[in-house]
């Protein structure tokens, strides 16, 4: 597992304390790997998910740091969403 994924898991764990009860979401960081967020918490994994959000490293870091709004990233084509859009919006709210 890359250092980037390890740090991303730590950062997401702080943002989404107690897990994500709405379902299973996966972040794919292009060229780095994947992170799964669910009711059990945050972990490096590439499991099946209800929604998959894909972005480059810069966009992902910006969303985690609060510098990039996930909805704006989606509208600008910097974040792609595959699956349950409602769940993606809930996850975006959790990151804010």
PDB file of N, CA and C in Angstrom:
ATOM      1  N   UNK A   1       0.849  -1.180   0.000  1.00  0.00           N
ATOM      2  CA  UNK A   1       0.000   0.000   0.000  1.00  0.00           C
ATOM      3  C   UNK A   1       0.889   1.236   0.000  1.00  0.00           C
ATOM      4  N   UNK A   2       0.536   2.221  -0.815  1.00  0.00           N
ATOM      5  CA  UNK A   2       1.347   3.424  -0.920  1.00  0.00           C
ATOM      6  C   UNK A   2       1.162   4.332   0.290  1.00  0.00           C
ATOM      7  N   UNK A   3       2.150   5.174   0.515  1.00  0.00           N
ATOM      8  CA  UNK A   3       2.055   6.158   1.595  1.00  0.00           C
ATOM      9  C   UNK A   3       0.864   7.076   1.385  1.00  0.00           C
ATOM     10  N   UNK A   4       0.568   7.378   0.137  1.00  0.00           N
ATOM     11  CA  UNK A   4      -0.558   8.272  -0.177  1.00  0.00           C
ATOM     12  C   UNK A   4      -1.869   7.646   0.284  1.00  0.00           C
ATOM     13  N   UNK A   5      -2.056   6.366   0.011  1.00  0.00           N
ATOM     14  CA  UNK A   5      -3.287   5.683   0.436  1.00  0.00           C
ATOM     15  C   UNK A   5      -3.340   5.619   1.959  1.00  0.00           C
ATOM     16  N   UNK A   6      -2.220   5.316   2.598  1.00  0.00           N
ATOM     17  CA  UNK A   6      -2.179   5.258   4.065  1.00  0.00           C
ATOM     18  C   UNK A   6      -2.589   6.596   4.668  1.00  0.00           C
ATOM     19  N   UNK A   7      -2.040   7.679   4.144  1.00  0.00           N
ATOM     20  CA  UNK A   7      -2.372   9.022   4.652  1.00  0.00           C
ATOM     21  C   UNK A   7      -3.821   9.383   4.355  1.00  0.00           C
ATOM     22  N   UNK A   8      -4.308   8.956   3.186  1.00  0.00           N
ATOM     23  CA  UNK A   8      -5.699   9.240   2.824  1.00  0.00           C
ATOM     24  C   UNK A   8      -6.663   8.506   3.754  1.00  0.00           C
ATOM     25  N   UNK A   9      -6.339   7.267   4.111  1.00  0.00           N
ATOM     26  CA  UNK A   9      -7.179   6.507   5.048  1.00  0.00           C
ATOM     27  C   UNK A   9      -7.229   7.233   6.394  1.00  0.00           C
ATOM     28  N   UNK A  10      -6.085   7.713   6.867  1.00  0.00           N
ATOM     29  CA  UNK A  10      -6.034   8.438   8.138  1.00  0.00           C
ATOM     30  C   UNK A  10      -6.873   9.716   8.073  1.00  0.00           C
ATOM     31  N   UNK A  11      -6.713  10.483   6.995  1.00  0.00           N
ATOM     32  CA  UNK A  11      -7.445  11.741   6.849  1.00  0.00           C
ATOM     33  C   UNK A  11      -8.951  11.507   6.766  1.00  0.00           C
ATOM     34  N   UNK A  12      -9.374  10.500   5.994  1.00  0.00           N
ATOM     35  CA  UNK A  12     -10.808  10.194   5.886  1.00  0.00           C
ATOM     36  C   UNK A  12     -11.357   9.686   7.207  1.00  0.00           C
ATOM     37  N   UNK A  13     -10.574   8.921   7.937  1.00  0.00           N
ATOM     38  CA  UNK A  13     -11.020   8.398   9.229  1.00  0.00           C
ATOM     39  C   UNK A  13     -11.326   9.531  10.197  1.00  0.00           C
ATOM     40  N   UNK A  14     -10.529  10.597  10.143  1.00  0.00           N
ATOM     41  CA  UNK A  14     -10.777  11.759  11.006  1.00  0.00           C
ATOM     42  C   UNK A  14     -12.047  12.485  10.586  1.00  0.00           C
ATOM     43  N   UNK A  15     -12.274  12.587   9.277  1.00  0.00           N
ATOM     44  CA  UNK A  15     -13.459  13.286   8.767  1.00  0.00           C
ATOM     45  C   UNK A  15     -14.744  12.498   9.007  1.00  0.00           C
ATOM     46  N   UNK A  16     -14.663  11.182   8.878  1.00  0.00           N
ATOM     47  CA  UNK A  16     -15.857  10.335   8.954  1.00  0.00           C
ATOM     48  C   UNK A  16     -15.707   9.423  10.171  1.00  0.00           C
ATOM     49  N   UNK A  17     -15.728  10.023  11.333  1.00  0.00           N
ATOM     50  CA  UNK A  17     -15.603   9.250  12.567  1.00  0.00           C
ATOM     51  C   UNK A  17     -16.821   8.346  12.734  1.00  0.00           C
ATOM     52  N   UNK A  18     -16.602   7.121  13.129  1.00  0.00           N
ATOM     53  CA  UNK A  18     -17.697   6.192  13.369  1.00  0.00           C
ATOM     54  C   UNK A  18     -18.216   5.510  12.124  1.00  0.00           C
ATOM     55  N   UNK A  19     -17.575   5.754  10.976  1.00  0.00           N
ATOM     56  CA  UNK A  19     -17.984   5.087   9.745  1.00  0.00           C
ATOM     57  C   UNK A  19     -19.052   5.843   8.985  1.00  0.00           C
ATOM     58  N   UNK A  20     -19.523   5.219   7.931  1.00  0.00           N
ATOM     59  CA  UNK A  20     -20.509   5.804   7.020  1.00  0.00           C
ATOM     60  C   UNK A  20     -21.680   4.841   6.939  1.00  0.00           C
ATOM     61  N   UNK A  21     -22.746   5.157   7.663  1.00  0.00           N
ATOM     62  CA  UNK A  21     -23.870   4.235   7.822  1.00  0.00           C
ATOM     63  C   UNK A  21     -24.755   4.106   6.584  1.00  0.00           C
ATOM     64  N   UNK A  22     -24.635   5.024   5.619  1.00  0.00           N
ATOM     65  CA  UNK A  22     -25.540   5.029   4.477  1.00  0.00           C
ATOM     66  C   UNK A  22     -25.298   3.881   3.497  1.00  0.00           C
ATOM     67  N   UNK A  23     -24.139   3.224   3.575  1.00  0.00           N
ATOM     68  CA  UNK A  23     -23.826   2.145   2.653  1.00  0.00           C
ATOM     69  C   UNK A  23     -22.334   2.002   2.482  1.00  0.00           C
ATOM     70  N   UNK A  24     -21.942   1.469   1.337  1.00  0.00           N
ATOM     71  CA  UNK A  24     -20.522   1.261   1.049  1.00  0.00           C
ATOM     72  C   UNK A  24     -20.112   2.187  -0.090  1.00  0.00           C
ATOM     73  N   UNK A  25     -19.112   3.010   0.196  1.00  0.00           N
ATOM     74  CA  UNK A  25     -18.601   3.932  -0.815  1.00  0.00           C
ATOM     75  C   UNK A  25     -17.123   3.647  -1.031  1.00  0.00           C
ATOM     76  N   UNK A  26     -16.680   3.872  -2.265  1.00  0.00           N
ATOM     77  CA  UNK A  26     -15.271   3.640  -2.586  1.00  0.00           C
ATOM     78  C   UNK A  26     -14.715   4.882  -3.263  1.00  0.00           C
ATOM     79  N   UNK A  27     -13.549   5.311  -2.784  1.00  0.00           N
ATOM     80  CA  UNK A  27     -12.794   6.366  -3.445  1.00  0.00           C
ATOM     81  C   UNK A  27     -11.677   5.699  -4.230  1.00  0.00           C
ATOM     82  N   UNK A  28     -11.570   6.020  -5.493  1.00  0.00           N
ATOM     83  CA  UNK A  28     -10.450   5.550  -6.300  1.00  0.00           C
ATOM     84  C   UNK A  28      -9.590   6.770  -6.602  1.00  0.00           C
ATOM     85  N   UNK A  29      -8.342   6.711  -6.154  1.00  0.00           N
ATOM     86  CA  UNK A  29      -7.395   7.784  -6.443  1.00  0.00           C
ATOM     87  C   UNK A  29      -6.557   7.293  -7.618  1.00  0.00           C
ATOM     88  N   UNK A  30      -6.720   7.953  -8.761  1.00  0.00           N
ATOM     89  CA  UNK A  30      -6.081   7.506  -9.989  1.00  0.00           C
ATOM     90  C   UNK A  30      -4.574   7.336  -9.796  1.00  0.00           C
ATOM     91  N   UNK A  31      -4.075   6.163 -10.170  1.00  0.00           N
ATOM     92  CA  UNK A  31      -2.663   5.872 -10.095  1.00  0.00           C
ATOM     93  C   UNK A  31      -2.153   5.490  -8.715  1.00  0.00           C
ATOM     94  N   UNK A  32      -3.053   5.493  -7.701  1.00  0.00           N
ATOM     95  CA  UNK A  32      -2.618   5.210  -6.331  1.00  0.00           C
ATOM     96  C   UNK A  32      -3.297   3.994  -5.721  1.00  0.00           C
ATOM     97  N   UNK A  33      -4.614   3.889  -5.865  1.00  0.00           N
ATOM     98  CA  UNK A  33      -5.347   2.778  -5.272  1.00  0.00           C
ATOM     99  C   UNK A  33      -6.739   3.192  -4.853  1.00  0.00           C
ATOM    100  N   UNK A  34      -7.348   2.385  -3.973  1.00  0.00           N
ATOM    101  CA  UNK A  34      -8.738   2.612  -3.586  1.00  0.00           C
ATOM    102  C   UNK A  34      -8.905   2.541  -2.076  1.00  0.00           C
ATOM    103  N   UNK A  35      -9.930   3.255  -1.616  1.00  0.00           N
ATOM    104  CA  UNK A  35     -10.276   3.317  -0.194  1.00  0.00           C
ATOM    105  C   UNK A  35     -11.767   3.061  -0.077  1.00  0.00           C
ATOM    106  N   UNK A  36     -12.147   2.198   0.856  1.00  0.00           N
ATOM    107  CA  UNK A  36     -13.554   1.894   1.085  1.00  0.00           C
ATOM    108  C   UNK A  36     -14.000   2.533   2.403  1.00  0.00           C
ATOM    109  N   UNK A  37     -15.182   3.138   2.358  1.00  0.00           N
ATOM    110  CA  UNK A  37     -15.788   3.760   3.530  1.00  0.00           C
ATOM    111  C   UNK A  37     -17.152   3.107   3.730  1.00  0.00           C
ATOM    112  N   UNK A  38     -17.387   2.552   4.947  1.00  0.00           N
ATOM    113  CA  UNK A  38     -18.676   1.940   5.244  1.00  0.00           C
ATOM    114  C   UNK A  38     -18.956   2.026   6.738  1.00  0.00           C
ATOM    115  N   UNK A  39     -19.918   1.281   7.196  1.00  0.00           N
ATOM    116  CA  UNK A  39     -20.296   1.319   8.603  1.00  0.00           C
ATOM    117  C   UNK A  39     -19.195   0.866   9.543  1.00  0.00           C
ATOM    118  N   UNK A  40     -18.212   0.131   9.020  1.00  0.00           N
ATOM    119  CA  UNK A  40     -17.088  -0.336   9.832  1.00  0.00           C
ATOM    120  C   UNK A  40     -15.957   0.677   9.893  1.00  0.00           C
ATOM    121  N   UNK A  41     -16.022   1.725   9.078  1.00  0.00           N
ATOM    122  CA  UNK A  41     -14.971   2.740   9.079  1.00  0.00           C
ATOM    123  C   UNK A  41     -14.350   2.901   7.713  1.00  0.00           C
ATOM    124  N   UNK A  42     -13.059   3.253   7.717  1.00  0.00           N
ATOM    125  CA  UNK A  42     -12.318   3.547   6.493  1.00  0.00           C
ATOM    126  C   UNK A  42     -11.129   2.599   6.400  1.00  0.00           C
ATOM    127  N   UNK A  43     -10.918   2.032   5.203  1.00  0.00           N
ATOM    128  CA  UNK A  43      -9.786   1.126   5.030  1.00  0.00           C
ATOM    129  C   UNK A  43      -9.333   1.122   3.570  1.00  0.00           C
ATOM    130  N   UNK A  44      -8.089   0.777   3.377  1.00  0.00           N
ATOM    131  CA  UNK A  44      -7.567   0.602   2.023  1.00  0.00           C
ATOM    132  C   UNK A  44      -8.115  -0.719   1.501  1.00  0.00           C
ATOM    133  N   UNK A  45      -8.889  -0.660   0.429  1.00  0.00           N
ATOM    134  CA  UNK A  45      -9.484  -1.862  -0.152  1.00  0.00           C
ATOM    135  C   UNK A  45     -10.071  -1.514  -1.512  1.00  0.00           C
ATOM    136  N   UNK A  46     -10.358  -2.531  -2.281  1.00  0.00           N
ATOM    137  CA  UNK A  46     -10.977  -2.334  -3.591  1.00  0.00           C
ATOM    138  C   UNK A  46     -12.229  -3.208  -3.678  1.00  0.00           C
ATOM    139  N   UNK A  47     -13.023  -3.203  -2.597  1.00  0.00           N
ATOM    140  CA  UNK A  47     -14.229  -4.016  -2.505  1.00  0.00           C
ATOM    141  C   UNK A  47     -15.333  -3.449  -3.393  1.00  0.00           C
ATOM    142  N   UNK A  48     -16.368  -4.260  -3.603  1.00  0.00           N
ATOM    143  CA  UNK A  48     -17.572  -3.784  -4.286  1.00  0.00           C
ATOM    144  C   UNK A  48     -18.193  -2.681  -3.440  1.00  0.00           C
ATOM    145  N   UNK A  49     -18.802  -1.694  -4.099  1.00  0.00           N
ATOM    146  CA  UNK A  49     -19.386  -0.572  -3.374  1.00  0.00           C
ATOM    147  C   UNK A  49     -20.687  -0.141  -4.032  1.00  0.00           C
ATOM    148  N   UNK A  50     -21.526   0.550  -3.244  1.00  0.00           N
ATOM    149  CA  UNK A  50     -22.773   1.098  -3.772  1.00  0.00           C
ATOM    150  C   UNK A  50     -22.496   2.297  -4.675  1.00  0.00           C
ATOM    151  N   UNK A  51     -21.418   3.016  -4.367  1.00  0.00           N
ATOM    152  CA  UNK A  51     -21.018   4.172  -5.169  1.00  0.00           C
ATOM    153  C   UNK A  51     -19.493   4.235  -5.198  1.00  0.00           C
ATOM    154  N   UNK A  52     -18.964   4.558  -6.362  1.00  0.00           N
ATOM    155  CA  UNK A  52     -17.519   4.710  -6.523  1.00  0.00           C
ATOM    156  C   UNK A  52     -17.236   6.119  -7.013  1.00  0.00           C
ATOM    157  N   UNK A  53     -16.362   6.813  -6.289  1.00  0.00           N
ATOM    158  CA  UNK A  53     -15.958   8.163  -6.659  1.00  0.00           C
ATOM    159  C   UNK A  53     -14.502   8.108  -7.111  1.00  0.00           C
ATOM    160  N   UNK A  54     -14.227   8.628  -8.281  1.00  0.00           N
ATOM    161  CA  UNK A  54     -12.883   8.554  -8.848  1.00  0.00           C
ATOM    162  C   UNK A  54     -12.373   9.962  -9.120  1.00  0.00           C
ATOM    163  N   UNK A  55     -11.145  10.215  -8.669  1.00  0.00           N
ATOM    164  CA  UNK A  55     -10.522  11.525  -8.877  1.00  0.00           C
ATOM    165  C   UNK A  55      -9.012  11.366  -8.903  1.00  0.00           C
ATOM    166  N   UNK A  56      -8.336  12.402  -9.397  1.00  0.00           N
ATOM    167  CA  UNK A  56      -6.880  12.374  -9.314  1.00  0.00           C
ATOM    168  C   UNK A  56      -6.462  12.768  -7.900  1.00  0.00           C
ATOM    169  N   UNK A  57      -5.190  12.612  -7.616  1.00  0.00           N
ATOM    170  CA  UNK A  57      -4.685  12.854  -6.269  1.00  0.00           C
ATOM    171  C   UNK A  57      -4.925  14.293  -5.822  1.00  0.00           C
ATOM    172  N   UNK A  58      -4.679  15.243  -6.699  1.00  0.00           N
ATOM    173  CA  UNK A  58      -4.839  16.660  -6.344  1.00  0.00           C
ATOM    174  C   UNK A  58      -6.285  16.976  -5.951  1.00  0.00           C
ATOM    175  N   UNK A  59      -7.231  16.475  -6.706  1.00  0.00           N
ATOM    176  CA  UNK A  59      -8.648  16.711  -6.408  1.00  0.00           C
ATOM    177  C   UNK A  59      -9.042  16.039  -5.100  1.00  0.00           C
ATOM    178  N   UNK A  60      -8.607  14.800  -4.908  1.00  0.00           N
ATOM    179  CA  UNK A  60      -8.924  14.071  -3.681  1.00  0.00           C
ATOM    180  C   UNK A  60      -8.381  14.813  -2.465  1.00  0.00           C
ATOM    181  N   UNK A  61      -7.118  15.230  -2.530  1.00  0.00           N
ATOM    182  CA  UNK A  61      -6.520  15.955  -1.406  1.00  0.00           C
ATOM    183  C   UNK A  61      -7.282  17.249  -1.129  1.00  0.00           C
ATOM    184  N   UNK A  62      -7.667  17.947  -2.182  1.00  0.00           N
ATOM    185  CA  UNK A  62      -8.419  19.189  -2.018  1.00  0.00           C
ATOM    186  C   UNK A  62      -9.754  18.968  -1.327  1.00  0.00           C
ATOM    187  N   UNK A  63     -10.420  17.871  -1.667  1.00  0.00           N
ATOM    188  CA  UNK A  63     -11.702  17.568  -1.017  1.00  0.00           C
ATOM    189  C   UNK A  63     -11.491  17.238   0.456  1.00  0.00           C
ATOM    190  N   UNK A  64     -10.474  16.452   0.770  1.00  0.00           N
ATOM    191  CA  UNK A  64     -10.205  16.070   2.157  1.00  0.00           C
ATOM    192  C   UNK A  64      -9.820  17.292   2.992  1.00  0.00           C
ATOM    193  N   UNK A  65      -9.043  18.200   2.403  1.00  0.00           N
ATOM    194  CA  UNK A  65      -8.572  19.386   3.121  1.00  0.00           C
ATOM    195  C   UNK A  65      -9.619  20.496   3.157  1.00  0.00           C
ATOM    196  N   UNK A  66     -10.751  20.294   2.473  1.00  0.00           N
ATOM    197  CA  UNK A  66     -11.814  21.290   2.481  1.00  0.00           C
ATOM    198  C   UNK A  66     -11.598  22.432   1.506  1.00  0.00           C
ATOM    199  N   UNK A  67     -10.618  22.307   0.616  1.00  0.00           N
ATOM    200  CA  UNK A  67     -10.333  23.358  -0.354  1.00  0.00           C
ATOM    201  C   UNK A  67     -11.143  23.201  -1.633  1.00  0.00           C
ATOM    202  N   UNK A  68     -11.615  21.983  -1.883  1.00  0.00           N
ATOM    203  CA  UNK A  68     -12.410  21.707  -3.082  1.00  0.00           C
ATOM    204  C   UNK A  68     -13.738  21.108  -2.650  1.00  0.00           C
ATOM    205  N   UNK A  69     -14.830  21.714  -3.094  1.00  0.00           N
ATOM    206  CA  UNK A  69     -16.162  21.215  -2.815  1.00  0.00           C
ATOM    207  C   UNK A  69     -16.414  19.998  -3.705  1.00  0.00           C
ATOM    208  N   UNK A  70     -16.798  18.841  -3.130  1.00  0.00           N
ATOM    209  CA  UNK A  70     -17.029  17.648  -3.952  1.00  0.00           C
ATOM    210  C   UNK A  70     -18.058  17.855  -5.066  1.00  0.00           C
ATOM    211  N   UNK A  71     -19.115  18.614  -4.795  1.00  0.00           N
ATOM    212  CA  UNK A  71     -20.127  18.864  -5.827  1.00  0.00           C
ATOM    213  C   UNK A  71     -19.535  19.685  -6.961  1.00  0.00           C
ATOM    214  N   UNK A  72     -18.752  20.693  -6.616  1.00  0.00           N
ATOM    215  CA  UNK A  72     -18.098  21.518  -7.640  1.00  0.00           C
ATOM    216  C   UNK A  72     -17.116  20.679  -8.453  1.00  0.00           C
ATOM    217  N   UNK A  73     -16.369  19.788  -7.783  1.00  0.00           N
ATOM    218  CA  UNK A  73     -15.420  18.915  -8.487  1.00  0.00           C
ATOM    219  C   UNK A  73     -16.156  18.028  -9.487  1.00  0.00           C
ATOM    220  N   UNK A  74     -17.324  17.530  -9.094  1.00  0.00           N
ATOM    221  CA  UNK A  74     -18.132  16.701  -9.988  1.00  0.00           C
ATOM    222  C   UNK A  74     -18.606  17.520 -11.187  1.00  0.00           C
ATOM    223  N   UNK A  75     -19.114  18.710 -10.913  1.00  0.00           N
ATOM    224  CA  UNK A  75     -19.641  19.561 -11.986  1.00  0.00           C
ATOM    225  C   UNK A  75     -18.538  19.983 -12.966  1.00  0.00           C
ATOM    226  N   UNK A  76     -17.309  20.102 -12.472  1.00  0.00           N
ATOM    227  CA  UNK A  76     -16.183  20.502 -13.323  1.00  0.00           C
ATOM    228  C   UNK A  76     -15.523  19.318 -14.015  1.00  0.00           C
ATOM    229  N   UNK A  77     -16.026  18.104 -13.762  1.00  0.00           N
ATOM    230  CA  UNK A  77     -15.470  16.918 -14.391  1.00  0.00           C
ATOM    231  C   UNK A  77     -14.205  16.399 -13.726  1.00  0.00           C
ATOM    232  N   UNK A  78     -13.889  16.911 -12.537  1.00  0.00           N
ATOM    233  CA  UNK A  78     -12.692  16.474 -11.815  1.00  0.00           C
ATOM    234  C   UNK A  78     -12.966  15.253 -10.939  1.00  0.00           C
ATOM    235  N   UNK A  79     -14.240  14.969 -10.696  1.00  0.00           N
ATOM    236  CA  UNK A  79     -14.663  13.840  -9.870  1.00  0.00           C
ATOM    237  C   UNK A  79     -15.752  13.086 -10.635  1.00  0.00           C
ATOM    238  N   UNK A  80     -15.549  11.792 -10.837  1.00  0.00           N
ATOM    239  CA  UNK A  80     -16.598  11.005 -11.489  1.00  0.00           C
ATOM    240  C   UNK A  80     -17.273  10.130 -10.441  1.00  0.00           C
ATOM    241  N   UNK A  81     -18.568   9.922 -10.648  1.00  0.00           N
ATOM    242  CA  UNK A  81     -19.373   9.140  -9.718  1.00  0.00           C
ATOM    243  C   UNK A  81     -20.046   8.020 -10.497  1.00  0.00           C
ATOM    244  N   UNK A  82     -19.886   6.796  -9.987  1.00  0.00           N
ATOM    245  CA  UNK A  82     -20.515   5.641 -10.604  1.00  0.00           C
ATOM    246  C   UNK A  82     -21.331   4.927  -9.535  1.00  0.00           C
ATOM    247  N   UNK A  83     -22.648   4.911  -9.708  1.00  0.00           N
ATOM    248  CA  UNK A  83     -23.502   4.241  -8.732  1.00  0.00           C
ATOM    249  C   UNK A  83     -24.503   5.204  -8.120  1.00  0.00           C
ATOM    250  N   UNK A  84     -24.789   5.011  -6.855  1.00  0.00           N
ATOM    251  CA  UNK A  84     -25.833   5.726  -6.121  1.00  0.00           C
ATOM    252  C   UNK A  84     -25.469   7.193  -5.890  1.00  0.00           C
ATOM    253  N   UNK A  85     -26.044   8.077  -6.716  1.00  0.00           N
ATOM    254  CA  UNK A  85     -25.734   9.510  -6.627  1.00  0.00           C
ATOM    255  C   UNK A  85     -26.173  10.103  -5.293  1.00  0.00           C
ATOM    256  N   UNK A  86     -27.273   9.647  -4.751  1.00  0.00           N
ATOM    257  CA  UNK A  86     -27.735  10.133  -3.453  1.00  0.00           C
ATOM    258  C   UNK A  86     -26.721   9.836  -2.353  1.00  0.00           C
ATOM    259  N   UNK A  87     -26.163   8.639  -2.411  1.00  0.00           N
ATOM    260  CA  UNK A  87     -25.148   8.270  -1.420  1.00  0.00           C
ATOM    261  C   UNK A  87     -23.886   9.110  -1.611  1.00  0.00           C
ATOM    262  N   UNK A  88     -23.543   9.388  -2.863  1.00  0.00           N
ATOM    263  CA  UNK A  88     -22.373  10.236  -3.121  1.00  0.00           C
ATOM    264  C   UNK A  88     -22.575  11.623  -2.520  1.00  0.00           C
ATOM    265  N   UNK A  89     -23.782  12.138  -2.615  1.00  0.00           N
ATOM    266  CA  UNK A  89     -24.079  13.456  -2.036  1.00  0.00           C
ATOM    267  C   UNK A  89     -23.993  13.425  -0.510  1.00  0.00           C
ATOM    268  N   UNK A  90     -24.456  12.336   0.101  1.00  0.00           N
ATOM    269  CA  UNK A  90     -24.340  12.197   1.554  1.00  0.00           C
ATOM    270  C   UNK A  90     -22.874  12.147   1.961  1.00  0.00           C
ATOM    271  N   UNK A  91     -22.078  11.434   1.200  1.00  0.00           N
ATOM    272  CA  UNK A  91     -20.654  11.342   1.505  1.00  0.00           C
ATOM    273  C   UNK A  91     -19.990  12.705   1.324  1.00  0.00           C
ATOM    274  N   UNK A  92     -20.383  13.433   0.289  1.00  0.00           N
ATOM    275  CA  UNK A  92     -19.846  14.766   0.089  1.00  0.00           C
ATOM    276  C   UNK A  92     -20.151  15.678   1.252  1.00  0.00           C
ATOM    277  N   UNK A  93     -21.360  15.573   1.798  1.00  0.00           N
ATOM    278  CA  UNK A  93     -21.738  16.360   2.981  1.00  0.00           C
ATOM    279  C   UNK A  93     -20.906  15.976   4.193  1.00  0.00           C
ATOM    280  N   UNK A  94     -20.588  14.697   4.321  1.00  0.00           N
ATOM    281  CA  UNK A  94     -19.779  14.220   5.444  1.00  0.00           C
ATOM    282  C   UNK A  94     -18.351  14.759   5.377  1.00  0.00           C
ATOM    283  N   UNK A  95     -17.883  15.032   4.171  1.00  0.00           N
ATOM    284  CA  UNK A  95     -16.531  15.543   3.997  1.00  0.00           C
ATOM    285  C   UNK A  95     -16.435  17.041   4.272  1.00  0.00           C
ATOM    286  N   UNK A  96     -17.552  17.721   4.168  1.00  0.00           N
ATOM    287  CA  UNK A  96     -17.536  19.192   4.307  1.00  0.00           C
ATOM    288  C   UNK A  96     -17.189  19.633   5.710  1.00  0.00           C
TER     289      UNK A  96
END
